[in-house]
PDB file of N, CA and C in Angstrom:
ATOM      1  N   UNK A   1     -15.825 -35.413  33.104  1.00  0.00           N
ATOM      2  CA  UNK A   1     -14.099 -35.626  32.415  1.00  0.00           C
ATOM      3  C   UNK A   1     -13.454 -34.954  33.453  1.00  0.00           C
ATOM      4  N   UNK A   2     -12.095 -35.286  34.117  1.00  0.00           N
ATOM      5  CA  UNK A   2     -11.313 -35.113  34.858  1.00  0.00           C
ATOM      6  C   UNK A   2     -10.135 -34.278  33.666  1.00  0.00           C
ATOM      7  N   UNK A   3      -9.238 -33.574  34.381  1.00  0.00           N
ATOM      8  CA  UNK A   3      -8.223 -32.810  33.927  1.00  0.00           C
ATOM      9  C   UNK A   3      -7.217 -33.990  33.023  1.00  0.00           C
ATOM     10  N   UNK A   4      -6.950 -34.618  33.512  1.00  0.00           N
ATOM     11  CA  UNK A   4      -5.908 -35.285  32.537  1.00  0.00           C
ATOM     12  C   UNK A   4      -6.370 -36.199  31.066  1.00  0.00           C
ATOM     13  N   UNK A   5      -7.544 -36.563  31.435  1.00  0.00           N
ATOM     14  CA  UNK A   5      -7.993 -36.823  30.300  1.00  0.00           C
ATOM     15  C   UNK A   5      -8.373 -35.339  29.272  1.00  0.00           C
ATOM     16  N   UNK A   6      -9.178 -34.685  29.430  1.00  0.00           N
ATOM     17  CA  UNK A   6      -9.086 -33.600  28.780  1.00  0.00           C
ATOM     18  C   UNK A   6      -7.770 -33.281  27.757  1.00  0.00           C
ATOM     19  N   UNK A   7      -6.882 -33.134  28.716  1.00  0.00           N
ATOM     20  CA  UNK A   7      -5.551 -32.986  28.181  1.00  0.00           C
ATOM     21  C   UNK A   7      -5.078 -33.809  26.727  1.00  0.00           C
ATOM     22  N   UNK A   8      -5.471 -35.247  27.004  1.00  0.00           N
ATOM     23  CA  UNK A   8      -5.082 -36.261  26.299  1.00  0.00           C
ATOM     24  C   UNK A   8      -6.045 -35.969  24.983  1.00  0.00           C
ATOM     25  N   UNK A   9      -7.322 -35.665  25.220  1.00  0.00           N
ATOM     26  CA  UNK A   9      -8.193 -35.684  24.207  1.00  0.00           C
ATOM     27  C   UNK A   9      -8.060 -34.164  23.151  1.00  0.00           C
ATOM     28  N   UNK A  10      -7.228 -33.004  24.010  1.00  0.00           N
ATOM     29  CA  UNK A  10      -7.254 -31.950  23.454  1.00  0.00           C
ATOM     30  C   UNK A  10      -5.859 -31.873  22.458  1.00  0.00           C
ATOM     31  N   UNK A  11      -4.926 -33.060  23.132  1.00  0.00           N
ATOM     32  CA  UNK A  11      -3.505 -33.022  22.293  1.00  0.00           C
ATOM     33  C   UNK A  11      -3.947 -34.319  20.890  1.00  0.00           C
ATOM     34  N   UNK A  12      -4.447 -34.657  21.339  1.00  0.00           N
ATOM     35  CA  UNK A  12      -5.054 -36.205  20.098  1.00  0.00           C
ATOM     36  C   UNK A  12      -5.852 -35.049  19.106  1.00  0.00           C
ATOM     37  N   UNK A  13      -6.546 -34.111  19.328  1.00  0.00           N
ATOM     38  CA  UNK A  13      -7.243 -33.537  18.527  1.00  0.00           C
ATOM     39  C   UNK A  13      -6.292 -32.464  17.571  1.00  0.00           C
ATOM     40  N   UNK A  14      -5.352 -31.962  18.407  1.00  0.00           N
ATOM     41  CA  UNK A  14      -4.206 -30.916  17.833  1.00  0.00           C
ATOM     42  C   UNK A  14      -3.646 -31.702  16.966  1.00  0.00           C
ATOM     43  N   UNK A  15      -3.584 -33.438  17.131  1.00  0.00           N
ATOM     44  CA  UNK A  15      -2.976 -33.655  15.622  1.00  0.00           C
ATOM     45  C   UNK A  15      -3.577 -34.223  14.849  1.00  0.00           C
ATOM     46  N   UNK A  16      -4.616 -34.757  15.179  1.00  0.00           N
ATOM     47  CA  UNK A  16      -5.194 -35.056  13.719  1.00  0.00           C
ATOM     48  C   UNK A  16      -5.969 -34.048  13.078  1.00  0.00           C
ATOM     49  N   UNK A  17      -6.306 -32.919  13.496  1.00  0.00           N
ATOM     50  CA  UNK A  17      -7.178 -32.099  12.668  1.00  0.00           C
ATOM     51  C   UNK A  17      -5.972 -31.337  11.410  1.00  0.00           C
ATOM     52  N   UNK A  18      -4.849 -31.117  11.926  1.00  0.00           N
ATOM     53  CA  UNK A  18      -3.985 -30.619  10.751  1.00  0.00           C
ATOM     54  C   UNK A  18      -3.820 -31.847   9.883  1.00  0.00           C
ATOM     55  N   UNK A  19      -3.960 -32.714  10.166  1.00  0.00           N
ATOM     56  CA  UNK A  19      -3.743 -33.983   9.606  1.00  0.00           C
ATOM     57  C   UNK A  19      -5.013 -34.371   8.529  1.00  0.00           C
ATOM     58  N   UNK A  20      -6.084 -34.028   9.303  1.00  0.00           N
ATOM     59  CA  UNK A  20      -7.055 -34.396   8.032  1.00  0.00           C
ATOM     60  C   UNK A  20      -7.244 -33.016   6.963  1.00  0.00           C
ATOM     61  N   UNK A  21      -6.937 -32.216   7.277  1.00  0.00           N
ATOM     62  CA  UNK A  21      -6.977 -30.954   6.364  1.00  0.00           C
ATOM     63  C   UNK A  21      -5.888 -31.338   5.270  1.00  0.00           C
ATOM     64  N   UNK A  22      -4.717 -31.456   5.594  1.00  0.00           N
ATOM     65  CA  UNK A  22      -3.352 -31.518   4.761  1.00  0.00           C
ATOM     66  C   UNK A  22      -3.800 -32.861   3.699  1.00  0.00           C
ATOM     67  N   UNK A  23      -3.896 -33.927   4.264  1.00  0.00           N
ATOM     68  CA  UNK A  23      -4.041 -35.056   3.412  1.00  0.00           C
ATOM     69  C   UNK A  23      -4.824 -36.137   4.079  1.00  0.00           C
ATOM     70  N   UNK A  24      -6.014 -36.314   5.071  1.00  0.00           N
ATOM     71  CA  UNK A  24      -6.661 -37.163   5.018  1.00  0.00           C
ATOM     72  C   UNK A  24      -6.337 -37.605   6.760  1.00  0.00           C
ATOM     73  N   UNK A  25      -7.040 -38.632   6.971  1.00  0.00           N
ATOM     74  CA  UNK A  25      -7.002 -39.458   7.928  1.00  0.00           C
ATOM     75  C   UNK A  25      -5.527 -40.444   8.258  1.00  0.00           C
ATOM     76  N   UNK A  26      -4.963 -41.069   7.167  1.00  0.00           N
ATOM     77  CA  UNK A  26      -4.038 -41.891   6.970  1.00  0.00           C
ATOM     78  C   UNK A  26      -2.730 -41.139   7.291  1.00  0.00           C
ATOM     79  N   UNK A  27      -2.982 -40.039   6.662  1.00  0.00           N
ATOM     80  CA  UNK A  27      -1.757 -38.898   7.112  1.00  0.00           C
ATOM     81  C   UNK A  27      -1.097 -38.827   8.459  1.00  0.00           C
ATOM     82  N   UNK A  28      -2.244 -38.781   9.538  1.00  0.00           N
ATOM     83  CA  UNK A  28      -1.967 -38.680  10.685  1.00  0.00           C
ATOM     84  C   UNK A  28      -1.591 -39.743  11.574  1.00  0.00           C
ATOM     85  N   UNK A  29      -1.955 -41.250  10.870  1.00  0.00           N
ATOM     86  CA  UNK A  29      -1.458 -42.402  11.505  1.00  0.00           C
ATOM     87  C   UNK A  29      -0.357 -43.206  10.813  1.00  0.00           C
ATOM     88  N   UNK A  30       0.129 -42.425   9.915  1.00  0.00           N
ATOM     89  CA  UNK A  30       1.139 -43.281   8.771  1.00  0.00           C
ATOM     90  C   UNK A  30       2.573 -42.769   9.321  1.00  0.00           C
ATOM     91  N   UNK A  31       2.769 -43.096  11.031  1.00  0.00           N
ATOM     92  CA  UNK A  31       4.269 -43.164  11.513  1.00  0.00           C
ATOM     93  C   UNK A  31       4.372 -45.033  12.144  1.00  0.00           C
ATOM     94  N   UNK A  32       5.062 -46.123  10.889  1.00  0.00           N
ATOM     95  CA  UNK A  32       5.187 -47.555  11.289  1.00  0.00           C
ATOM     96  C   UNK A  32       6.295 -47.285  12.418  1.00  0.00           C
ATOM     97  N   UNK A  33       6.261 -47.995  13.451  1.00  0.00           N
ATOM     98  CA  UNK A  33       6.847 -48.602  14.407  1.00  0.00           C
ATOM     99  C   UNK A  33       8.396 -49.423  14.173  1.00  0.00           C
ATOM    100  N   UNK A  34       8.251 -50.023  12.995  1.00  0.00           N
ATOM    101  CA  UNK A  34       9.467 -50.480  12.292  1.00  0.00           C
ATOM    102  C   UNK A  34       9.208 -50.576  11.119  1.00  0.00           C
ATOM    103  N   UNK A  35      10.187 -50.791  10.120  1.00  0.00           N
ATOM    104  CA  UNK A  35      10.372 -50.545   8.886  1.00  0.00           C
ATOM    105  C   UNK A  35      10.187 -51.785   8.801  1.00  0.00           C
ATOM    106  N   UNK A  36       9.208 -52.345   7.427  1.00  0.00           N
ATOM    107  CA  UNK A  36       8.568 -53.229   6.754  1.00  0.00           C
ATOM    108  C   UNK A  36       9.603 -54.131   6.042  1.00  0.00           C
ATOM    109  N   UNK A  37       9.619 -55.290   6.382  1.00  0.00           N
ATOM    110  CA  UNK A  37      10.331 -56.503   5.252  1.00  0.00           C
ATOM    111  C   UNK A  37       9.889 -56.423   3.786  1.00  0.00           C
ATOM    112  N   UNK A  38      10.955 -56.119   3.085  1.00  0.00           N
ATOM    113  CA  UNK A  38      10.470 -56.346   1.583  1.00  0.00           C
ATOM    114  C   UNK A  38      11.350 -57.733   1.500  1.00  0.00           C
ATOM    115  N   UNK A  39      10.295 -58.506   0.397  1.00  0.00           N
ATOM    116  CA  UNK A  39      10.880 -59.836   0.114  1.00  0.00           C
ATOM    117  C   UNK A  39      10.802 -59.761  -1.366  1.00  0.00           C
ATOM    118  N   UNK A  40      11.985 -60.198  -1.875  1.00  0.00           N
ATOM    119  CA  UNK A  40      12.157 -60.440  -3.242  1.00  0.00           C
ATOM    120  C   UNK A  40      10.631 -60.933  -4.472  1.00  0.00           C
ATOM    121  N   UNK A  41      10.353 -60.458  -5.418  1.00  0.00           N
ATOM    122  CA  UNK A  41       9.287 -60.597  -6.083  1.00  0.00           C
ATOM    123  C   UNK A  41       9.619 -62.284  -6.569  1.00  0.00           C
ATOM    124  N   UNK A  42       8.857 -63.358  -6.610  1.00  0.00           N
ATOM    125  CA  UNK A  42       8.958 -64.623  -6.716  1.00  0.00           C
ATOM    126  C   UNK A  42       8.289 -64.893  -7.968  1.00  0.00           C
ATOM    127  N   UNK A  43       8.654 -65.298  -9.188  1.00  0.00           N
ATOM    128  CA  UNK A  43       8.376 -65.748 -10.215  1.00  0.00           C
ATOM    129  C   UNK A  43       8.235 -67.132 -10.344  1.00  0.00           C
ATOM    130  N   UNK A  44       7.177 -67.592 -11.398  1.00  0.00           N
ATOM    131  CA  UNK A  44       6.623 -68.699 -11.897  1.00  0.00           C
ATOM    132  C   UNK A  44       7.902 -69.646 -11.912  1.00  0.00           C
ATOM    133  N   UNK A  45       8.426 -70.668 -11.347  1.00  0.00           N
ATOM    134  CA  UNK A  45       9.623 -71.521 -11.811  1.00  0.00           C
ATOM    135  C   UNK A  45       9.355 -72.641 -13.131  1.00  0.00           C
ATOM    136  N   UNK A  46       8.139 -72.659 -13.538  1.00  0.00           N
ATOM    137  CA  UNK A  46       7.886 -73.503 -14.737  1.00  0.00           C
ATOM    138  C   UNK A  46       6.831 -72.711 -15.266  1.00  0.00           C
ATOM    139  N   UNK A  47       6.584 -73.167 -16.521  1.00  0.00           N
ATOM    140  CA  UNK A  47       5.852 -73.091 -17.265  1.00  0.00           C
ATOM    141  C   UNK A  47       4.821 -74.043 -18.455  1.00  0.00           C
ATOM    142  N   UNK A  48       3.687 -73.690 -18.663  1.00  0.00           N
ATOM    143  CA  UNK A  48       3.367 -74.909 -19.086  1.00  0.00           C
ATOM    144  C   UNK A  48       2.770 -74.661 -20.970  1.00  0.00           C
ATOM    145  N   UNK A  49       3.264 -75.647 -21.283  1.00  0.00           N
ATOM    146  CA  UNK A  49       3.545 -75.725 -22.785  1.00  0.00           C
ATOM    147  C   UNK A  49       2.507 -76.790 -23.436  1.00  0.00           C
ATOM    148  N   UNK A  50       2.174 -76.803 -24.489  1.00  0.00           N
ATOM    149  CA  UNK A  50       1.361 -77.634 -25.400  1.00  0.00           C
ATOM    150  C   UNK A  50       1.605 -77.598 -26.980  1.00  0.00           C
ATOM    151  N   UNK A  51       1.365 -78.636 -27.518  1.00  0.00           N
ATOM    152  CA  UNK A  51       1.918 -78.569 -29.201  1.00  0.00           C
ATOM    153  C   UNK A  51       0.208 -79.112 -29.789  1.00  0.00           C
ATOM    154  N   UNK A  52      -0.100 -78.618 -30.792  1.00  0.00           N
ATOM    155  CA  UNK A  52      -0.989 -79.057 -31.217  1.00  0.00           C
ATOM    156  C   UNK A  52      -1.349 -79.149 -32.786  1.00  0.00           C
ATOM    157  N   UNK A  53      -1.284 -80.019 -33.395  1.00  0.00           N
ATOM    158  CA  UNK A  53      -1.270 -80.219 -35.187  1.00  0.00           C
ATOM    159  C   UNK A  53      -2.684 -80.451 -35.427  1.00  0.00           C
ATOM    160  N   UNK A  54      -2.687 -79.376 -36.778  1.00  0.00           N
ATOM    161  CA  UNK A  54      -4.099 -79.576 -37.313  1.00  0.00           C
ATOM    162  C   UNK A  54      -3.469 -80.125 -38.913  1.00  0.00           C
ATOM    163  N   UNK A  55      -4.469 -80.620 -39.307  1.00  0.00           N
ATOM    164  CA  UNK A  55      -4.423 -80.952 -40.794  1.00  0.00           C
ATOM    165  C   UNK A  55      -5.456 -80.531 -41.424  1.00  0.00           C
ATOM    166  N   UNK A  56      -5.563 -80.146 -42.930  1.00  0.00           N
ATOM    167  CA  UNK A  56      -6.869 -79.849 -43.691  1.00  0.00           C
ATOM    168  C   UNK A  56      -6.372 -79.695 -45.029  1.00  0.00           C
ATOM    169  N   UNK A  57      -7.586 -79.867 -45.872  1.00  0.00           N
ATOM    170  CA  UNK A  57      -7.319 -80.023 -47.216  1.00  0.00           C
ATOM    171  C   UNK A  57      -7.741 -78.092 -48.113  1.00  0.00           C
ATOM    172  N   UNK A  58      -7.163 -78.507 -49.107  1.00  0.00           N
ATOM    173  CA  UNK A  58      -7.022 -76.916 -49.687  1.00  0.00           C
ATOM    174  C   UNK A  58      -6.902 -76.818 -51.194  1.00  0.00           C
ATOM    175  N   UNK A  59      -7.374 -76.138 -51.849  1.00  0.00           N
ATOM    176  CA  UNK A  59      -7.196 -75.988 -53.271  1.00  0.00           C
ATOM    177  C   UNK A  59      -5.570 -75.471 -53.513  1.00  0.00           C
ATOM    178  N   UNK A  60      -5.472 -74.863 -53.221  1.00  0.00           N
ATOM    179  CA  UNK A  60      -4.174 -74.089 -53.026  1.00  0.00           C
ATOM    180  C   UNK A  60      -3.163 -74.354 -51.486  1.00  0.00           C
ATOM    181  N   UNK A  61      -1.740 -74.460 -51.720  1.00  0.00           N
ATOM    182  CA  UNK A  61      -0.939 -74.867 -50.764  1.00  0.00           C
ATOM    183  C   UNK A  61      -1.192 -73.556 -49.124  1.00  0.00           C
ATOM    184  N   UNK A  62      -1.364 -72.778 -49.667  1.00  0.00           N
ATOM    185  CA  UNK A  62      -1.639 -71.586 -48.691  1.00  0.00           C
ATOM    186  C   UNK A  62      -3.380 -71.790 -47.674  1.00  0.00           C
ATOM    187  N   UNK A  63      -3.884 -72.018 -48.772  1.00  0.00           N
ATOM    188  CA  UNK A  63      -5.403 -72.086 -48.196  1.00  0.00           C
ATOM    189  C   UNK A  63      -5.490 -73.663 -47.592  1.00  0.00           C
ATOM    190  N   UNK A  64      -4.664 -74.689 -47.935  1.00  0.00           N
ATOM    191  CA  UNK A  64      -4.214 -75.892 -46.807  1.00  0.00           C
ATOM    192  C   UNK A  64      -3.884 -75.488 -45.722  1.00  0.00           C
ATOM    193  N   UNK A  65      -3.123 -74.665 -45.465  1.00  0.00           N
ATOM    194  CA  UNK A  65      -2.383 -74.601 -44.382  1.00  0.00           C
ATOM    195  C   UNK A  65      -2.948 -73.235 -43.249  1.00  0.00           C
ATOM    196  N   UNK A  66      -3.785 -72.379 -43.987  1.00  0.00           N
ATOM    197  CA  UNK A  66      -4.478 -71.661 -43.032  1.00  0.00           C
ATOM    198  C   UNK A  66      -5.668 -72.701 -42.686  1.00  0.00           C
ATOM    199  N   UNK A  67      -6.310 -73.290 -43.405  1.00  0.00           N
ATOM    200  CA  UNK A  67      -7.137 -74.309 -42.567  1.00  0.00           C
ATOM    201  C   UNK A  67      -6.634 -75.161 -41.556  1.00  0.00           C
ATOM    202  N   UNK A  68      -5.396 -75.536 -41.902  1.00  0.00           N
ATOM    203  CA  UNK A  68      -4.945 -76.477 -41.049  1.00  0.00           C
ATOM    204  C   UNK A  68      -4.805 -75.655 -39.380  1.00  0.00           C
ATOM    205  N   UNK A  69      -4.357 -74.724 -39.736  1.00  0.00           N
ATOM    206  CA  UNK A  69      -3.528 -73.446 -38.569  1.00  0.00           C
ATOM    207  C   UNK A  69      -5.297 -73.481 -37.925  1.00  0.00           C
ATOM    208  N   UNK A  70      -6.503 -73.164 -38.605  1.00  0.00           N
ATOM    209  CA  UNK A  70      -7.718 -72.839 -37.941  1.00  0.00           C
ATOM    210  C   UNK A  70      -8.039 -74.306 -37.062  1.00  0.00           C
ATOM    211  N   UNK A  71      -7.831 -75.584 -37.460  1.00  0.00           N
ATOM    212  CA  UNK A  71      -7.936 -76.705 -37.252  1.00  0.00           C
ATOM    213  C   UNK A  71      -7.240 -77.007 -35.935  1.00  0.00           C
ATOM    214  N   UNK A  72      -6.222 -75.975 -35.885  1.00  0.00           N
ATOM    215  CA  UNK A  72      -4.938 -76.366 -34.708  1.00  0.00           C
ATOM    216  C   UNK A  72      -5.445 -75.169 -33.314  1.00  0.00           C
ATOM    217  N   UNK A  73      -5.830 -74.462 -33.810  1.00  0.00           N
ATOM    218  CA  UNK A  73      -6.598 -73.025 -33.105  1.00  0.00           C
ATOM    219  C   UNK A  73      -7.543 -73.888 -32.495  1.00  0.00           C
ATOM    220  N   UNK A  74      -8.446 -74.623 -33.334  1.00  0.00           N
ATOM    221  CA  UNK A  74      -9.507 -75.172 -32.628  1.00  0.00           C
ATOM    222  C   UNK A  74      -9.420 -76.279 -31.551  1.00  0.00           C
ATOM    223  N   UNK A  75      -8.167 -76.803 -31.753  1.00  0.00           N
ATOM    224  CA  UNK A  75      -7.792 -78.053 -30.925  1.00  0.00           C
ATOM    225  C   UNK A  75      -7.488 -77.185 -29.333  1.00  0.00           C
ATOM    226  N   UNK A  76      -6.697 -76.239 -29.805  1.00  0.00           N
ATOM    227  CA  UNK A  76      -6.438 -75.567 -28.764  1.00  0.00           C
ATOM    228  C   UNK A  76      -7.304 -74.565 -27.510  1.00  0.00           C
ATOM    229  N   UNK A  77      -8.172 -74.261 -28.448  1.00  0.00           N
ATOM    230  CA  UNK A  77      -9.120 -73.655 -27.941  1.00  0.00           C
ATOM    231  C   UNK A  77     -10.160 -74.120 -26.691  1.00  0.00           C
ATOM    232  N   UNK A  78     -10.329 -75.544 -27.637  1.00  0.00           N
ATOM    233  CA  UNK A  78     -10.877 -76.384 -26.939  1.00  0.00           C
ATOM    234  C   UNK A  78     -10.477 -77.169 -25.620  1.00  0.00           C
ATOM    235  N   UNK A  79      -9.133 -76.911 -25.823  1.00  0.00           N
ATOM    236  CA  UNK A  79      -8.462 -77.453 -24.437  1.00  0.00           C
ATOM    237  C   UNK A  79      -8.127 -76.542 -23.610  1.00  0.00           C
ATOM    238  N   UNK A  80      -8.668 -75.245 -23.384  1.00  0.00           N
ATOM    239  CA  UNK A  80      -8.807 -73.830 -22.950  1.00  0.00           C
ATOM    240  C   UNK A  80      -7.764 -73.159 -23.156  1.00  0.00           C
ATOM    241  N   UNK A  81      -7.021 -73.329 -23.994  1.00  0.00           N
ATOM    242  CA  UNK A  81      -6.100 -72.319 -24.216  1.00  0.00           C
ATOM    243  C   UNK A  81      -6.328 -71.168 -24.901  1.00  0.00           C
ATOM    244  N   UNK A  82      -6.143 -69.755 -25.082  1.00  0.00           N
ATOM    245  CA  UNK A  82      -6.255 -68.706 -25.258  1.00  0.00           C
ATOM    246  C   UNK A  82      -5.500 -68.610 -26.514  1.00  0.00           C
ATOM    247  N   UNK A  83      -6.274 -68.002 -27.964  1.00  0.00           N
ATOM    248  CA  UNK A  83      -5.004 -67.859 -28.970  1.00  0.00           C
ATOM    249  C   UNK A  83      -4.441 -67.164 -29.042  1.00  0.00           C
ATOM    250  N   UNK A  84      -3.981 -66.468 -27.710  1.00  0.00           N
ATOM    251  CA  UNK A  84      -3.137 -65.326 -27.692  1.00  0.00           C
ATOM    252  C   UNK A  84      -1.584 -66.153 -27.178  1.00  0.00           C
ATOM    253  N   UNK A  85      -1.924 -67.499 -26.550  1.00  0.00           N
ATOM    254  CA  UNK A  85      -1.046 -68.206 -25.611  1.00  0.00           C
ATOM    255  C   UNK A  85      -0.447 -68.715 -26.953  1.00  0.00           C
ATOM    256  N   UNK A  86      -0.943 -68.915 -28.011  1.00  0.00           N
ATOM    257  CA  UNK A  86      -0.217 -69.903 -28.917  1.00  0.00           C
ATOM    258  C   UNK A  86       0.251 -69.245 -30.529  1.00  0.00           C
ATOM    259  N   UNK A  87       1.283 -69.594 -31.192  1.00  0.00           N
ATOM    260  CA  UNK A  87       1.978 -69.221 -32.062  1.00  0.00           C
ATOM    261  C   UNK A  87       2.123 -70.602 -33.049  1.00  0.00           C
ATOM    262  N   UNK A  88       1.892 -70.537 -34.429  1.00  0.00           N
ATOM    263  CA  UNK A  88       1.980 -71.162 -35.473  1.00  0.00           C
ATOM    264  C   UNK A  88       3.323 -71.287 -35.736  1.00  0.00           C
ATOM    265  N   UNK A  89       3.774 -72.356 -35.637  1.00  0.00           N
ATOM    266  CA  UNK A  89       5.624 -72.809 -35.941  1.00  0.00           C
ATOM    267  C   UNK A  89       5.880 -73.579 -37.017  1.00  0.00           C
ATOM    268  N   UNK A  90       5.598 -74.944 -37.407  1.00  0.00           N
ATOM    269  CA  UNK A  90       6.010 -75.379 -38.488  1.00  0.00           C
ATOM    270  C   UNK A  90       4.475 -75.760 -39.103  1.00  0.00           C
ATOM    271  N   UNK A  91       4.949 -75.527 -40.914  1.00  0.00           N
ATOM    272  CA  UNK A  91       3.569 -75.796 -41.278  1.00  0.00           C
ATOM    273  C   UNK A  91       4.391 -76.492 -42.766  1.00  0.00           C
ATOM    274  N   UNK A  92       3.555 -77.227 -43.593  1.00  0.00           N
ATOM    275  CA  UNK A  92       3.724 -77.836 -44.427  1.00  0.00           C
ATOM    276  C   UNK A  92       2.229 -78.344 -45.596  1.00  0.00           C
ATOM    277  N   UNK A  93       3.012 -78.025 -46.892  1.00  0.00           N
ATOM    278  CA  UNK A  93       1.577 -78.505 -47.532  1.00  0.00           C
ATOM    279  C   UNK A  93       2.472 -79.331 -48.532  1.00  0.00           C
ATOM    280  N   UNK A  94       1.300 -80.449 -48.901  1.00  0.00           N
ATOM    281  CA  UNK A  94       1.981 -81.824 -49.916  1.00  0.00           C
ATOM    282  C   UNK A  94       0.927 -81.588 -50.596  1.00  0.00           C
ATOM    283  N   UNK A  95       1.016 -82.094 -51.982  1.00  0.00           N
ATOM    284  CA  UNK A  95       0.239 -82.165 -53.337  1.00  0.00           C
ATOM    285  C   UNK A  95      -0.166 -83.972 -53.171  1.00  0.00           C
ATOM    286  N   UNK A  96      -1.383 -83.867 -53.357  1.00  0.00           N
ATOM    287  CA  UNK A  96      -1.717 -85.003 -53.744  1.00  0.00           C
ATOM    288  C   UNK A  96      -1.816 -85.859 -55.230  1.00  0.00           C
ATOM    289  N   UNK A  97      -1.757 -84.560 -56.014  1.00  0.00           N
ATOM    290  CA  UNK A  97      -1.905 -85.502 -57.264  1.00  0.00           C
ATOM    291  C   UNK A  97      -2.663 -84.899 -58.129  1.00  0.00           C
ATOM    292  N   UNK A  98      -3.860 -84.354 -57.626  1.00  0.00           N
ATOM    293  CA  UNK A  98      -4.932 -84.703 -58.499  1.00  0.00           C
ATOM    294  C   UNK A  98      -5.831 -82.996 -57.989  1.00  0.00           C
ATOM    295  N   UNK A  99      -4.213 -81.929 -57.911  1.00  0.00           N
ATOM    296  CA  UNK A  99      -4.809 -80.623 -57.420  1.00  0.00           C
ATOM    297  C   UNK A  99      -5.984 -80.368 -56.082  1.00  0.00           C
ATOM    298  N   UNK A 100      -5.436 -81.209 -54.924  1.00  0.00           N
ATOM    299  CA  UNK A 100      -5.887 -80.781 -53.565  1.00  0.00           C
ATOM    300  C   UNK A 100      -4.554 -80.777 -53.433  1.00  0.00           C
ATOM    301  N   UNK A 101      -4.517 -80.141 -51.784  1.00  0.00           N
ATOM    302  CA  UNK A 101      -2.983 -79.985 -51.111  1.00  0.00           C
ATOM    303  C   UNK A 101      -3.273 -80.702 -49.812  1.00  0.00           C
ATOM    304  N   UNK A 102      -2.647 -81.366 -48.842  1.00  0.00           N
ATOM    305  CA  UNK A 102      -2.929 -81.501 -47.570  1.00  0.00           C
ATOM    306  C   UNK A 102      -1.961 -80.965 -46.777  1.00  0.00           C
ATOM    307  N   UNK A 103      -2.504 -79.734 -45.891  1.00  0.00           N
ATOM    308  CA  UNK A 103      -1.809 -78.754 -45.253  1.00  0.00           C
ATOM    309  C   UNK A 103      -1.720 -79.305 -43.650  1.00  0.00           C
ATOM    310  N   UNK A 104      -0.633 -78.929 -43.004  1.00  0.00           N
ATOM    311  CA  UNK A 104      -0.199 -79.473 -41.747  1.00  0.00           C
ATOM    312  C   UNK A 104       0.186 -78.514 -40.959  1.00  0.00           C
ATOM    313  N   UNK A 105       0.037 -77.759 -39.988  1.00  0.00           N
ATOM    314  CA  UNK A 105       0.308 -76.892 -39.164  1.00  0.00           C
ATOM    315  C   UNK A 105       0.643 -77.523 -37.562  1.00  0.00           C
ATOM    316  N   UNK A 106       1.783 -76.831 -36.856  1.00  0.00           N
ATOM    317  CA  UNK A 106       1.726 -77.316 -35.265  1.00  0.00           C
ATOM    318  C   UNK A 106       1.935 -75.709 -35.161  1.00  0.00           C
ATOM    319  N   UNK A 107       0.977 -75.645 -33.900  1.00  0.00           N
ATOM    320  CA  UNK A 107       0.842 -74.738 -33.202  1.00  0.00           C
ATOM    321  C   UNK A 107       1.629 -75.093 -31.700  1.00  0.00           C
ATOM    322  N   UNK A 108       2.346 -74.018 -31.033  1.00  0.00           N
ATOM    323  CA  UNK A 108       3.144 -74.115 -30.020  1.00  0.00           C
ATOM    324  C   UNK A 108       2.511 -73.146 -29.005  1.00  0.00           C
ATOM    325  N   UNK A 109       1.903 -73.662 -28.246  1.00  0.00           N
ATOM    326  CA  UNK A 109       1.364 -72.626 -26.639  1.00  0.00           C
ATOM    327  C   UNK A 109       2.031 -72.734 -25.405  1.00  0.00           C
ATOM    328  N   UNK A 110       2.156 -71.659 -25.102  1.00  0.00           N
ATOM    329  CA  UNK A 110       2.715 -71.141 -23.793  1.00  0.00           C
ATOM    330  C   UNK A 110       2.078 -70.484 -22.605  1.00  0.00           C
ATOM    331  N   UNK A 111       2.238 -71.055 -21.588  1.00  0.00           N
ATOM    332  CA  UNK A 111       1.358 -70.171 -20.417  1.00  0.00           C
ATOM    333  C   UNK A 111       1.895 -70.120 -18.881  1.00  0.00           C
TER     334      UNK A 111
END
């Protein structure tokens, strides 16, 4: 090893060893030549939406609406939507006159 390469090796070791002791190998090499460019975060310009309608019968208006909501959720899950991406919006229950109710629920989904 000639004298100039030995000096370079010693200078590199003098810079690297304290850096390794203080904070790891990244500390010794953490001097960027140019500042990094930052770009603004991109947001999605569109969202996907869907509406699912479920209908079901029940003995009470509430049970008909709950069953209709479950039918709508089943349709949404079958179309690969998560339950957390959907909300029940409009509900309706109508009597058929003989003790049964027809429930309708609209499920609005967005992702």
